Structure formats: structure tokens, C-alpha cells
Amino acid sequence: MTPEQLREGLIQSLEGGGEGFTLQDLEERTRAGLARFWLGERGALVTYIVDNDEGRSIHVWLGCGDIKELVQMRIGIEAFARAHGCQWATINSRKGWSRVFANAGFEPDGEQLRKRL
């Protein structure tokens, strides 16, 4: 994935999320250590850790690129999450992601997917 493809993929993910976040927001959160990039050869994911009433979660905020590679990347992300005290993994969900990530143990939970780690 070229830097241009990464940039365009992340912009599309930000726009598709409907939350009003911009590439500048992503850059600021990354620089501040509030978001973490996971780069593959053909895709990328962006995560952050959330503490709430149900415990600690790693949340996959953004993703772009090859879906098969993104599913494989989850293995390392889940290991990182466990090492940082996360009990859950959640993903902002698009319909296509629900089918693919169901095989990895994620279940629908409102507008996101969720898995106990």
C-alpha cells in the first residue's frame, strides 16, 4: 500500500464513519498517543483503548485496504490489547465487516462488533 493509497483509504474511512472526524483529527490523536496505527503490506487499521463501565477495550476505529490482511492483523492487535489489560475488542462496523469478522469471534453489538478477549 503506497502512502497515497493509505491516505485516501483513511480519508474514505473517516468520511464513511459519519462522525465528522478529519485526517487532521487522526494525525493529532496519533501524535498525542491516543490512537495507534497498525500497518500491513496491503492495509491499515487504527485503534485506541477505551476504559468504561464494562472494563477496558481496544477499539478498531478505522480500517482500509485488503480485508483478508486486516483480519490477520487482528491477531497481533488482540495480543497487544491483552497485554494492556483489555477484556474486549470492538470494531466500528460496516455490513461487510460483520460477515468477515464473525469468523474471528466478533458478534454484532449495536452499530459495532464486539469480542471478549
PDB file of N, CA and C in Angstrom:
ATOM      1  N   MET A   1       0.845  -1.165   0.000  1.00  0.00           N
ATOM      2  CA  MET A   1       0.000   0.000   0.000  1.00  0.00           C
ATOM      3  C   MET A   1       0.894   1.233   0.000  1.00  0.00           C
ATOM      4  N   THR A   2       0.723   2.076  -0.984  1.00  0.00           N
ATOM      5  CA  THR A   2       1.529   3.288  -1.069  1.00  0.00           C
ATOM      6  C   THR A   2       1.028   4.314  -0.051  1.00  0.00           C
ATOM      7  N   PRO A   3       1.857   5.293   0.286  1.00  0.00           N
ATOM      8  CA  PRO A   3       1.389   6.344   1.195  1.00  0.00           C
ATOM      9  C   PRO A   3       0.122   7.046   0.673  1.00  0.00           C
ATOM     10  N   GLU A   4       0.033   7.223  -0.643  1.00  0.00           N
ATOM     11  CA  GLU A   4      -1.151   7.873  -1.218  1.00  0.00           C
ATOM     12  C   GLU A   4      -2.396   6.994  -1.048  1.00  0.00           C
ATOM     13  N   GLN A   5      -2.246   5.678  -1.259  1.00  0.00           N
ATOM     14  CA  GLN A   5      -3.370   4.760  -1.070  1.00  0.00           C
ATOM     15  C   GLN A   5      -3.804   4.734   0.393  1.00  0.00           C
ATOM     16  N   LEU A   6      -2.839   4.750   1.303  1.00  0.00           N
ATOM     17  CA  LEU A   6      -3.140   4.780   2.728  1.00  0.00           C
ATOM     18  C   LEU A   6      -3.917   6.041   3.076  1.00  0.00           C
ATOM     19  N   ARG A   7      -3.422   7.165   2.617  1.00  0.00           N
ATOM     20  CA  ARG A   7      -4.086   8.448   2.904  1.00  0.00           C
ATOM     21  C   ARG A   7      -5.515   8.443   2.379  1.00  0.00           C
ATOM     22  N   GLU A   8      -5.692   8.026   1.135  1.00  0.00           N
ATOM     23  CA  GLU A   8      -7.031   8.013   0.537  1.00  0.00           C
ATOM     24  C   GLU A   8      -7.948   7.018   1.248  1.00  0.00           C
ATOM     25  N   GLY A   9      -7.415   5.854   1.608  1.00  0.00           N
ATOM     26  CA  GLY A   9      -8.211   4.860   2.321  1.00  0.00           C
ATOM     27  C   GLY A   9      -8.656   5.356   3.685  1.00  0.00           C
ATOM     28  N   LEU A  10      -7.764   6.035   4.383  1.00  0.00           N
ATOM     29  CA  LEU A  10      -8.124   6.569   5.696  1.00  0.00           C
ATOM     30  C   LEU A  10      -9.145   7.699   5.576  1.00  0.00           C
ATOM     31  N   ILE A  11      -8.981   8.538   4.575  1.00  0.00           N
ATOM     32  CA  ILE A  11      -9.964   9.608   4.358  1.00  0.00           C
ATOM     33  C   ILE A  11     -11.339   9.005   4.084  1.00  0.00           C
ATOM     34  N   GLN A  12     -11.394   7.982   3.246  1.00  0.00           N
ATOM     35  CA  GLN A  12     -12.676   7.318   2.954  1.00  0.00           C
ATOM     36  C   GLN A  12     -13.276   6.712   4.219  1.00  0.00           C
ATOM     37  N   SER A  13     -12.444   6.090   5.048  1.00  0.00           N
ATOM     38  CA  SER A  13     -12.939   5.511   6.296  1.00  0.00           C
ATOM     39  C   SER A  13     -13.470   6.594   7.227  1.00  0.00           C
ATOM     40  N   LEU A  14     -12.751   7.692   7.327  1.00  0.00           N
ATOM     41  CA  LEU A  14     -13.202   8.801   8.170  1.00  0.00           C
ATOM     42  C   LEU A  14     -14.540   9.351   7.676  1.00  0.00           C
ATOM     43  N   GLU A  15     -14.642   9.553   6.375  1.00  0.00           N
ATOM     44  CA  GLU A  15     -15.879  10.080   5.808  1.00  0.00           C
ATOM     45  C   GLU A  15     -17.021   9.081   5.948  1.00  0.00           C
ATOM     46  N   GLY A  16     -16.727   7.805   5.752  1.00  0.00           N
ATOM     47  CA  GLY A  16     -17.750   6.765   5.848  1.00  0.00           C
ATOM     48  C   GLY A  16     -18.252   6.553   7.266  1.00  0.00           C
ATOM     49  N   GLY A  17     -17.437   6.919   8.252  1.00  0.00           N
ATOM     50  CA  GLY A  17     -17.836   6.747   9.647  1.00  0.00           C
ATOM     51  C   GLY A  17     -18.940   7.694  10.075  1.00  0.00           C
ATOM     52  N   GLY A  18     -19.084   8.808   9.370  1.00  0.00           N
ATOM     53  CA  GLY A  18     -20.143   9.753   9.677  1.00  0.00           C
ATOM     54  C   GLY A  18     -20.014  10.460  11.013  1.00  0.00           C
ATOM     55  N   GLU A  19     -18.825  10.425  11.612  1.00  0.00           N
ATOM     56  CA  GLU A  19     -18.629  11.053  12.915  1.00  0.00           C
ATOM     57  C   GLU A  19     -18.057  12.467  12.805  1.00  0.00           C
ATOM     58  N   GLY A  20     -17.711  12.872  11.595  1.00  0.00           N
ATOM     59  CA  GLY A  20     -17.186  14.217  11.395  1.00  0.00           C
ATOM     60  C   GLY A  20     -15.697  14.370  11.646  1.00  0.00           C
ATOM     61  N   PHE A  21     -14.981  13.271  11.859  1.00  0.00           N
ATOM     62  CA  PHE A  21     -13.542  13.356  12.063  1.00  0.00           C
ATOM     63  C   PHE A  21     -12.826  13.592  10.742  1.00  0.00           C
ATOM     64  N   THR A  22     -11.698  14.281  10.812  1.00  0.00           N
ATOM     65  CA  THR A  22     -10.896  14.600   9.636  1.00  0.00           C
ATOM     66  C   THR A  22      -9.533  13.922   9.746  1.00  0.00           C
ATOM     67  N   LEU A  23      -8.792  13.977   8.663  1.00  0.00           N
ATOM     68  CA  LEU A  23      -7.429  13.456   8.666  1.00  0.00           C
ATOM     69  C   LEU A  23      -6.588  14.207   9.694  1.00  0.00           C
ATOM     70  N   GLN A  24      -6.828  15.494   9.845  1.00  0.00           N
ATOM     71  CA  GLN A  24      -6.108  16.273  10.855  1.00  0.00           C
ATOM     72  C   GLN A  24      -6.421  15.761  12.262  1.00  0.00           C
ATOM     73  N   ASP A  25      -7.676  15.405  12.537  1.00  0.00           N
ATOM     74  CA  ASP A  25      -8.035  14.832  13.834  1.00  0.00           C
ATOM     75  C   ASP A  25      -7.261  13.541  14.077  1.00  0.00           C
ATOM     76  N   LEU A  26      -7.184  12.700  13.055  1.00  0.00           N
ATOM     77  CA  LEU A  26      -6.456  11.443  13.159  1.00  0.00           C
ATOM     78  C   LEU A  26      -4.979  11.698  13.447  1.00  0.00           C
ATOM     79  N   GLU A  27      -4.383  12.624  12.721  1.00  0.00           N
ATOM     80  CA  GLU A  27      -2.968  12.941  12.923  1.00  0.00           C
ATOM     81  C   GLU A  27      -2.729  13.461  14.338  1.00  0.00           C
ATOM     82  N   GLU A  28      -3.610  14.329  14.833  1.00  0.00           N
ATOM     83  CA  GLU A  28      -3.453  14.886  16.182  1.00  0.00           C
ATOM     84  C   GLU A  28      -3.581  13.803  17.247  1.00  0.00           C
ATOM     85  N   ARG A  29      -4.545  12.902  17.083  1.00  0.00           N
ATOM     86  CA  ARG A  29      -4.733  11.822  18.053  1.00  0.00           C
ATOM     87  C   ARG A  29      -3.549  10.861  18.041  1.00  0.00           C
ATOM     88  N   THR A  30      -2.990  10.623  16.872  1.00  0.00           N
ATOM     89  CA  THR A  30      -1.836   9.734  16.771  1.00  0.00           C
ATOM     90  C   THR A  30      -0.623  10.374  17.443  1.00  0.00           C
ATOM     91  N   ARG A  31      -0.369  11.637  17.138  1.00  0.00           N
ATOM     92  CA  ARG A  31       0.772  12.341  17.745  1.00  0.00           C
ATOM     93  C   ARG A  31       0.653  12.396  19.263  1.00  0.00           C
ATOM     94  N   ALA A  32      -0.564  12.541  19.768  1.00  0.00           N
ATOM     95  CA  ALA A  32      -0.793  12.626  21.212  1.00  0.00           C
ATOM     96  C   ALA A  32      -0.773  11.251  21.888  1.00  0.00           C
ATOM     97  N   GLY A  33      -0.623  10.185  21.105  1.00  0.00           N
ATOM     98  CA  GLY A  33      -0.602   8.847  21.657  1.00  0.00           C
ATOM     99  C   GLY A  33      -1.984   8.297  21.971  1.00  0.00           C
ATOM    100  N   LEU A  34      -3.024   8.934  21.453  1.00  0.00           N
ATOM    101  CA  LEU A  34      -4.396   8.499  21.706  1.00  0.00           C
ATOM    102  C   LEU A  34      -4.894   7.495  20.681  1.00  0.00           C
ATOM    103  N   ALA A  35      -4.197   7.359  19.574  1.00  0.00           N
ATOM    104  CA  ALA A  35      -4.549   6.398  18.526  1.00  0.00           C
ATOM    105  C   ALA A  35      -3.262   5.726  18.062  1.00  0.00           C
ATOM    106  N   ARG A  36      -3.391   4.489  17.609  1.00  0.00           N
ATOM    107  CA  ARG A  36      -2.226   3.715  17.180  1.00  0.00           C
ATOM    108  C   ARG A  36      -2.478   3.138  15.791  1.00  0.00           C
ATOM    109  N   PHE A  37      -1.495   3.311  14.909  1.00  0.00           N
ATOM    110  CA  PHE A  37      -1.555   2.744  13.556  1.00  0.00           C
ATOM    111  C   PHE A  37      -1.019   1.323  13.559  1.00  0.00           C
ATOM    112  N   TRP A  38      -1.674   0.469  12.788  1.00  0.00           N
ATOM    113  CA  TRP A  38      -1.222  -0.891  12.535  1.00  0.00           C
ATOM    114  C   TRP A  38      -1.132  -1.001  11.015  1.00  0.00           C
ATOM    115  N   LEU A  39       0.081  -1.023  10.496  1.00  0.00           N
ATOM    116  CA  LEU A  39       0.285  -1.025   9.053  1.00  0.00           C
ATOM    117  C   LEU A  39       0.661  -2.414   8.554  1.00  0.00           C
ATOM    118  N   GLY A  40      -0.014  -2.838   7.521  1.00  0.00           N
ATOM    119  CA  GLY A  40       0.314  -4.078   6.842  1.00  0.00           C
ATOM    120  C   GLY A  40       0.866  -3.762   5.466  1.00  0.00           C
ATOM    121  N   GLU A  41       1.038  -4.773   4.662  1.00  0.00           N
ATOM    122  CA  GLU A  41       1.523  -4.559   3.299  1.00  0.00           C
ATOM    123  C   GLU A  41       0.422  -4.007   2.400  1.00  0.00           C
ATOM    124  N   ARG A  42      -0.820  -4.427   2.657  1.00  0.00           N
ATOM    125  CA  ARG A  42      -1.930  -4.044   1.777  1.00  0.00           C
ATOM    126  C   ARG A  42      -3.092  -3.402   2.522  1.00  0.00           C
ATOM    127  N   GLY A  43      -2.862  -3.043   3.791  1.00  0.00           N
ATOM    128  CA  GLY A  43      -3.942  -2.455   4.565  1.00  0.00           C
ATOM    129  C   GLY A  43      -3.439  -1.819   5.840  1.00  0.00           C
ATOM    130  N   ALA A  44      -4.349  -1.147   6.525  1.00  0.00           N
ATOM    131  CA  ALA A  44      -4.007  -0.479   7.774  1.00  0.00           C
ATOM    132  C   ALA A  44      -5.237  -0.411   8.666  1.00  0.00           C
ATOM    133  N   LEU A  45      -4.975  -0.452   9.962  1.00  0.00           N
ATOM    134  CA  LEU A  45      -6.010  -0.265  10.964  1.00  0.00           C
ATOM    135  C   LEU A  45      -5.548   0.807  11.935  1.00  0.00           C
ATOM    136  N   VAL A  46      -6.508   1.482  12.557  1.00  0.00           N
ATOM    137  CA  VAL A  46      -6.213   2.465  13.596  1.00  0.00           C
ATOM    138  C   VAL A  46      -7.047   2.082  14.811  1.00  0.00           C
ATOM    139  N   THR A  47      -6.381   1.978  15.968  1.00  0.00           N
ATOM    140  CA  THR A  47      -7.063   1.590  17.196  1.00  0.00           C
ATOM    141  C   THR A  47      -6.844   2.624  18.288  1.00  0.00           C
ATOM    142  N   TYR A  48      -7.663   2.516  19.313  1.00  0.00           N
ATOM    143  CA  TYR A  48      -7.424   3.242  20.554  1.00  0.00           C
ATOM    144  C   TYR A  48      -8.017   2.433  21.697  1.00  0.00           C
ATOM    145  N   ILE A  49      -7.546   2.684  22.907  1.00  0.00           N
ATOM    146  CA  ILE A  49      -8.019   1.970  24.082  1.00  0.00           C
ATOM    147  C   ILE A  49      -9.047   2.821  24.806  1.00  0.00           C
ATOM    148  N   VAL A  50     -10.113   2.150  25.264  1.00  0.00           N
ATOM    149  CA  VAL A  50     -11.227   2.810  25.937  1.00  0.00           C
ATOM    150  C   VAL A  50     -11.441   2.161  27.300  1.00  0.00           C
ATOM    151  N   ASP A  51     -11.600   2.968  28.319  1.00  0.00           N
ATOM    152  CA  ASP A  51     -11.998   2.482  29.637  1.00  0.00           C
ATOM    153  C   ASP A  51     -13.424   2.931  29.891  1.00  0.00           C
ATOM    154  N   ASN A  52     -14.302   1.965  30.238  1.00  0.00           N
ATOM    155  CA  ASN A  52     -15.684   2.307  30.554  1.00  0.00           C
ATOM    156  C   ASN A  52     -16.201   1.363  31.643  1.00  0.00           C
ATOM    157  N   ASP A  53     -17.505   1.404  31.899  1.00  0.00           N
ATOM    158  CA  ASP A  53     -18.100   0.602  32.971  1.00  0.00           C
ATOM    159  C   ASP A  53     -17.907  -0.901  32.784  1.00  0.00           C
ATOM    160  N   GLU A  54     -17.766  -1.353  31.562  1.00  0.00           N
ATOM    161  CA  GLU A  54     -17.608  -2.780  31.287  1.00  0.00           C
ATOM    162  C   GLU A  54     -16.154  -3.225  31.303  1.00  0.00           C
ATOM    163  N   GLY A  55     -15.241  -2.316  31.531  1.00  0.00           N
ATOM    164  CA  GLY A  55     -13.824  -2.657  31.561  1.00  0.00           C
ATOM    165  C   GLY A  55     -13.066  -1.928  30.474  1.00  0.00           C
ATOM    166  N   ARG A  56     -11.938  -2.473  30.133  1.00  0.00           N
ATOM    167  CA  ARG A  56     -11.058  -1.869  29.135  1.00  0.00           C
ATOM    168  C   ARG A  56     -11.230  -2.582  27.798  1.00  0.00           C
ATOM    169  N   SER A  57     -11.295  -1.789  26.723  1.00  0.00           N
ATOM    170  CA  SER A  57     -11.457  -2.326  25.370  1.00  0.00           C
ATOM    171  C   SER A  57     -10.435  -1.714  24.439  1.00  0.00           C
ATOM    172  N   ILE A  58     -10.056  -2.484  23.435  1.00  0.00           N
ATOM    173  CA  ILE A  58      -9.342  -1.911  22.308  1.00  0.00           C
ATOM    174  C   ILE A  58     -10.377  -1.759  21.209  1.00  0.00           C
ATOM    175  N   HIS A  59     -10.431  -0.577  20.649  1.00  0.00           N
ATOM    176  CA  HIS A  59     -11.435  -0.285  19.636  1.00  0.00           C
ATOM    177  C   HIS A  59     -10.754  -0.037  18.293  1.00  0.00           C
ATOM    178  N   VAL A  60     -11.188  -0.784  17.282  1.00  0.00           N
ATOM    179  CA  VAL A  60     -10.699  -0.546  15.924  1.00  0.00           C
ATOM    180  C   VAL A  60     -11.563   0.552  15.348  1.00  0.00           C
ATOM    181  N   TRP A  61     -10.963   1.715  15.212  1.00  0.00           N
ATOM    182  CA  TRP A  61     -11.663   2.914  14.788  1.00  0.00           C
ATOM    183  C   TRP A  61     -11.757   2.996  13.272  1.00  0.00           C
ATOM    184  N   LEU A  62     -10.633   2.750  12.594  1.00  0.00           N
ATOM    185  CA  LEU A  62     -10.571   2.908  11.146  1.00  0.00           C
ATOM    186  C   LEU A  62      -9.848   1.729  10.516  1.00  0.00           C
ATOM    187  N   GLY A  63     -10.206   1.444   9.288  1.00  0.00           N
ATOM    188  CA  GLY A  63      -9.515   0.410   8.542  1.00  0.00           C
ATOM    189  C   GLY A  63      -9.629   0.666   7.061  1.00  0.00           C
ATOM    190  N   CYS A  64      -8.603   0.264   6.341  1.00  0.00           N
ATOM    191  CA  CYS A  64      -8.634   0.380   4.882  1.00  0.00           C
ATOM    192  C   CYS A  64      -7.698  -0.656   4.284  1.00  0.00           C
ATOM    193  N   GLY A  65      -7.998  -1.036   3.056  1.00  0.00           N
ATOM    194  CA  GLY A  65      -7.136  -1.973   2.353  1.00  0.00           C
ATOM    195  C   GLY A  65      -7.731  -3.364   2.265  1.00  0.00           C
ATOM    196  N   ASP A  66      -6.863  -4.337   2.132  1.00  0.00           N
ATOM    197  CA  ASP A  66      -7.229  -5.728   1.906  1.00  0.00           C
ATOM    198  C   ASP A  66      -7.862  -6.339   3.157  1.00  0.00           C
ATOM    199  N   ILE A  67      -9.124  -6.715   3.078  1.00  0.00           N
ATOM    200  CA  ILE A  67      -9.867  -7.219   4.236  1.00  0.00           C
ATOM    201  C   ILE A  67      -9.253  -8.497   4.803  1.00  0.00           C
ATOM    202  N   LYS A  68      -8.733  -9.363   3.958  1.00  0.00           N
ATOM    203  CA  LYS A  68      -8.112 -10.591   4.462  1.00  0.00           C
ATOM    204  C   LYS A  68      -6.900 -10.277   5.322  1.00  0.00           C
ATOM    205  N   GLU A  69      -6.112  -9.304   4.895  1.00  0.00           N
ATOM    206  CA  GLU A  69      -4.957  -8.911   5.694  1.00  0.00           C
ATOM    207  C   GLU A  69      -5.407  -8.249   6.996  1.00  0.00           C
ATOM    208  N   LEU A  70      -6.460  -7.460   6.945  1.00  0.00           N
ATOM    209  CA  LEU A  70      -6.955  -6.802   8.154  1.00  0.00           C
ATOM    210  C   LEU A  70      -7.411  -7.831   9.190  1.00  0.00           C
ATOM    211  N   VAL A  71      -8.061  -8.878   8.737  1.00  0.00           N
ATOM    212  CA  VAL A  71      -8.489  -9.945   9.655  1.00  0.00           C
ATOM    213  C   VAL A  71      -7.269 -10.594  10.302  1.00  0.00           C
ATOM    214  N   GLN A  72      -6.219 -10.837   9.539  1.00  0.00           N
ATOM    215  CA  GLN A  72      -4.997 -11.430  10.095  1.00  0.00           C
ATOM    216  C   GLN A  72      -4.309 -10.477  11.076  1.00  0.00           C
ATOM    217  N   MET A  73      -4.374  -9.192  10.805  1.00  0.00           N
ATOM    218  CA  MET A  73      -3.733  -8.207  11.677  1.00  0.00           C
ATOM    219  C   MET A  73      -4.358  -8.205  13.068  1.00  0.00           C
ATOM    220  N   ARG A  74      -5.606  -8.640  13.152  1.00  0.00           N
ATOM    221  CA  ARG A  74      -6.318  -8.635  14.420  1.00  0.00           C
ATOM    222  C   ARG A  74      -5.615  -9.504  15.456  1.00  0.00           C
ATOM    223  N   ILE A  75      -4.909 -10.536  15.032  1.00  0.00           N
ATOM    224  CA  ILE A  75      -4.227 -11.432  15.964  1.00  0.00           C
ATOM    225  C   ILE A  75      -3.200 -10.657  16.796  1.00  0.00           C
ATOM    226  N   GLY A  76      -2.372  -9.874  16.141  1.00  0.00           N
ATOM    227  CA  GLY A  76      -1.382  -9.056  16.852  1.00  0.00           C
ATOM    228  C   GLY A  76      -2.029  -7.960  17.682  1.00  0.00           C
ATOM    229  N   ILE A  77      -3.097  -7.387  17.166  1.00  0.00           N
ATOM    230  CA  ILE A  77      -3.799  -6.325  17.898  1.00  0.00           C
ATOM    231  C   ILE A  77      -4.420  -6.894  19.163  1.00  0.00           C
ATOM    232  N   GLU A  78      -5.015  -8.080  19.066  1.00  0.00           N
ATOM    233  CA  GLU A  78      -5.613  -8.698  20.243  1.00  0.00           C
ATOM    234  C   GLU A  78      -4.554  -9.032  21.293  1.00  0.00           C
ATOM    235  N   ALA A  79      -3.388  -9.497  20.872  1.00  0.00           N
ATOM    236  CA  ALA A  79      -2.296  -9.782  21.809  1.00  0.00           C
ATOM    237  C   ALA A  79      -1.843  -8.492  22.497  1.00  0.00           C
ATOM    238  N   PHE A  80      -1.701  -7.421  21.731  1.00  0.00           N
ATOM    239  CA  PHE A  80      -1.346  -6.116  22.288  1.00  0.00           C
ATOM    240  C   PHE A  80      -2.397  -5.688  23.308  1.00  0.00           C
ATOM    241  N   ALA A  81      -3.672  -5.857  22.954  1.00  0.00           N
ATOM    242  CA  ALA A  81      -4.769  -5.444  23.831  1.00  0.00           C
ATOM    243  C   ALA A  81      -4.730  -6.208  25.153  1.00  0.00           C
ATOM    244  N   ARG A  82      -4.560  -7.510  25.083  1.00  0.00           N
ATOM    245  CA  ARG A  82      -4.491  -8.308  26.311  1.00  0.00           C
ATOM    246  C   ARG A  82      -3.331  -7.851  27.192  1.00  0.00           C
ATOM    247  N   ALA A  83      -2.187  -7.582  26.560  1.00  0.00           N
ATOM    248  CA  ALA A  83      -1.006  -7.124  27.305  1.00  0.00           C
ATOM    249  C   ALA A  83      -1.240  -5.769  27.962  1.00  0.00           C
ATOM    250  N   HIS A  84      -2.216  -5.010  27.468  1.00  0.00           N
ATOM    251  CA  HIS A  84      -2.539  -3.700  28.027  1.00  0.00           C
ATOM    252  C   HIS A  84      -3.842  -3.726  28.832  1.00  0.00           C
ATOM    253  N   GLY A  85      -4.234  -4.916  29.269  1.00  0.00           N
ATOM    254  CA  GLY A  85      -5.353  -5.053  30.189  1.00  0.00           C
ATOM    255  C   GLY A  85      -6.738  -4.982  29.592  1.00  0.00           C
ATOM    256  N   CYS A  86      -6.858  -5.163  28.290  1.00  0.00           N
ATOM    257  CA  CYS A  86      -8.175  -5.089  27.650  1.00  0.00           C
ATOM    258  C   CYS A  86      -8.911  -6.421  27.794  1.00  0.00           C
ATOM    259  N   GLN A  87     -10.188  -6.330  28.119  1.00  0.00           N
ATOM    260  CA  GLN A  87     -11.048  -7.504  28.182  1.00  0.00           C
ATOM    261  C   GLN A  87     -11.884  -7.672  26.923  1.00  0.00           C
ATOM    262  N   TRP A  88     -11.996  -6.625  26.135  1.00  0.00           N
ATOM    263  CA  TRP A  88     -12.856  -6.616  24.945  1.00  0.00           C
ATOM    264  C   TRP A  88     -12.117  -6.034  23.749  1.00  0.00           C
ATOM    265  N   ALA A  89     -12.573  -6.431  22.574  1.00  0.00           N
ATOM    266  CA  ALA A  89     -12.176  -5.788  21.319  1.00  0.00           C
ATOM    267  C   ALA A  89     -13.468  -5.384  20.622  1.00  0.00           C
ATOM    268  N   THR A  90     -13.506  -4.170  20.112  1.00  0.00           N
ATOM    269  CA  THR A  90     -14.670  -3.688  19.378  1.00  0.00           C
ATOM    270  C   THR A  90     -14.215  -3.103  18.050  1.00  0.00           C
ATOM    271  N   ILE A  91     -15.135  -3.106  17.101  1.00  0.00           N
ATOM    272  CA  ILE A  91     -14.838  -2.596  15.759  1.00  0.00           C
ATOM    273  C   ILE A  91     -16.010  -1.767  15.288  1.00  0.00           C
ATOM    274  N   ASN A  92     -15.731  -0.564  14.775  1.00  0.00           N
ATOM    275  CA  ASN A  92     -16.770   0.171  14.051  1.00  0.00           C
ATOM    276  C   ASN A  92     -17.187  -0.706  12.893  1.00  0.00           C
ATOM    277  N   SER A  93     -18.464  -0.950  12.762  1.00  0.00           N
ATOM    278  CA  SER A  93     -18.908  -1.982  11.835  1.00  0.00           C
ATOM    279  C   SER A  93     -19.555  -1.433  10.574  1.00  0.00           C
ATOM    280  N   ARG A  94     -19.115  -2.001   9.467  1.00  0.00           N
ATOM    281  CA  ARG A  94     -19.837  -1.875   8.201  1.00  0.00           C
ATOM    282  C   ARG A  94     -20.424  -3.247   7.935  1.00  0.00           C
ATOM    283  N   LYS A  95     -21.477  -3.320   7.151  1.00  0.00           N
ATOM    284  CA  LYS A  95     -22.160  -4.596   6.939  1.00  0.00           C
ATOM    285  C   LYS A  95     -21.206  -5.691   6.470  1.00  0.00           C
ATOM    286  N   GLY A  96     -20.332  -5.393   5.543  1.00  0.00           N
ATOM    287  CA  GLY A  96     -19.402  -6.388   5.030  1.00  0.00           C
ATOM    288  C   GLY A  96     -18.440  -6.900   6.093  1.00  0.00           C
ATOM    289  N   TRP A  97     -18.071  -6.052   7.030  1.00  0.00           N
ATOM    290  CA  TRP A  97     -17.149  -6.450   8.079  1.00  0.00           C
ATOM    291  C   TRP A  97     -17.807  -7.449   9.023  1.00  0.00           C
ATOM    292  N   SER A  98     -19.110  -7.333   9.245  1.00  0.00           N
ATOM    293  CA  SER A  98     -19.811  -8.249  10.144  1.00  0.00           C
ATOM    294  C   SER A  98     -19.628  -9.688   9.714  1.00  0.00           C
ATOM    295  N   ARG A  99     -19.798  -9.963   8.447  1.00  0.00           N
ATOM    296  CA  ARG A  99     -19.650 -11.331   7.941  1.00  0.00           C
ATOM    297  C   ARG A  99     -18.220 -11.821   8.101  1.00  0.00           C
ATOM    298  N   VAL A 100     -17.275 -11.003   7.733  1.00  0.00           N
ATOM    299  CA  VAL A 100     -15.868 -11.414   7.744  1.00  0.00           C
ATOM    300  C   VAL A 100     -15.359 -11.615   9.170  1.00  0.00           C
ATOM    301  N   PHE A 101     -15.670 -10.695  10.064  1.00  0.00           N
ATOM    302  CA  PHE A 101     -15.138 -10.778  11.422  1.00  0.00           C
ATOM    303  C   PHE A 101     -15.939 -11.732  12.312  1.00  0.00           C
ATOM    304  N   ALA A 102     -17.110 -12.187  11.867  1.00  0.00           N
ATOM    305  CA  ALA A 102     -17.860 -13.192  12.636  1.00  0.00           C
ATOM    306  C   ALA A 102     -17.024 -14.463  12.778  1.00  0.00           C
ATOM    307  N   ASN A 103     -16.280 -14.810  11.752  1.00  0.00           N
ATOM    308  CA  ASN A 103     -15.420 -15.996  11.799  1.00  0.00           C
ATOM    309  C   ASN A 103     -14.260 -15.846  12.779  1.00  0.00           C
ATOM    310  N   ALA A 104     -13.993 -14.617  13.205  1.00  0.00           N
ATOM    311  CA  ALA A 104     -12.920 -14.351  14.160  1.00  0.00           C
ATOM    312  C   ALA A 104     -13.467 -14.159  15.573  1.00  0.00           C
ATOM    313  N   GLY A 105     -14.754 -14.475  15.771  1.00  0.00           N
ATOM    314  CA  GLY A 105     -15.338 -14.419  17.107  1.00  0.00           C
ATOM    315  C   GLY A 105     -16.060 -13.138  17.460  1.00  0.00           C
ATOM    316  N   PHE A 106     -16.186 -12.215  16.532  1.00  0.00           N
ATOM    317  CA  PHE A 106     -16.889 -10.964  16.807  1.00  0.00           C
ATOM    318  C   PHE A 106     -18.382 -11.137  16.583  1.00  0.00           C
ATOM    319  N   GLU A 107     -19.160 -10.483  17.439  1.00  0.00           N
ATOM    320  CA  GLU A 107     -20.613 -10.522  17.319  1.00  0.00           C
ATOM    321  C   GLU A 107     -21.156  -9.104  17.219  1.00  0.00           C
ATOM    322  N   PRO A 108     -22.281  -8.928  16.533  1.00  0.00           N
ATOM    323  CA  PRO A 108     -22.893  -7.598  16.456  1.00  0.00           C
ATOM    324  C   PRO A 108     -23.294  -7.096  17.842  1.00  0.00           C
ATOM    325  N   ASP A 109     -23.055  -5.826  18.086  1.00  0.00           N
ATOM    326  CA  ASP A 109     -23.436  -5.167  19.335  1.00  0.00           C
ATOM    327  C   ASP A 109     -23.805  -3.730  18.978  1.00  0.00           C
ATOM    328  N   GLY A 110     -25.064  -3.506  18.633  1.00  0.00           N
ATOM    329  CA  GLY A 110     -25.481  -2.201  18.159  1.00  0.00           C
ATOM    330  C   GLY A 110     -24.854  -1.929  16.805  1.00  0.00           C
ATOM    331  N   GLU A 111     -24.170  -0.808  16.688  1.00  0.00           N
ATOM    332  CA  GLU A 111     -23.539  -0.437  15.417  1.00  0.00           C
ATOM    333  C   GLU A 111     -22.079  -0.851  15.347  1.00  0.00           C
ATOM    334  N   GLN A 112     -21.654  -1.691  16.278  1.00  0.00           N
ATOM    335  CA  GLN A 112     -20.280  -2.159  16.247  1.00  0.00           C
ATOM    336  C   GLN A 112     -20.249  -3.670  16.407  1.00  0.00           C
ATOM    337  N   LEU A 113     -19.051  -4.216  16.265  1.00  0.00           N
ATOM    338  CA  LEU A 113     -18.808  -5.624  16.518  1.00  0.00           C
ATOM    339  C   LEU A 113     -18.027  -5.717  17.826  1.00  0.00           C
ATOM    340  N   ARG A 114     -18.225  -6.821  18.532  1.00  0.00           N
ATOM    341  CA  ARG A 114     -17.585  -6.935  19.850  1.00  0.00           C
ATOM    342  C   ARG A 114     -17.149  -8.382  20.095  1.00  0.00           C
ATOM    343  N   LYS A 115     -16.018  -8.506  20.789  1.00  0.00           N
ATOM    344  CA  LYS A 115     -15.469  -9.832  21.100  1.00  0.00           C
ATOM    345  C   LYS A 115     -14.814  -9.775  22.476  1.00  0.00           C
ATOM    346  N   ARG A 116     -15.083 -10.798  23.280  1.00  0.00           N
ATOM    347  CA  ARG A 116     -14.381 -10.915  24.566  1.00  0.00           C
ATOM    348  C   ARG A 116     -12.990 -11.479  24.287  1.00  0.00           C
ATOM    349  N   LEU A 117     -11.986 -10.844  24.884  1.00  0.00           N
ATOM    350  CA  LEU A 117     -10.595 -11.299  24.694  1.00  0.00           C
ATOM    351  C   LEU A 117     -10.200 -12.320  25.738  1.00  0.00           C
TER     352      LEU A 117
END
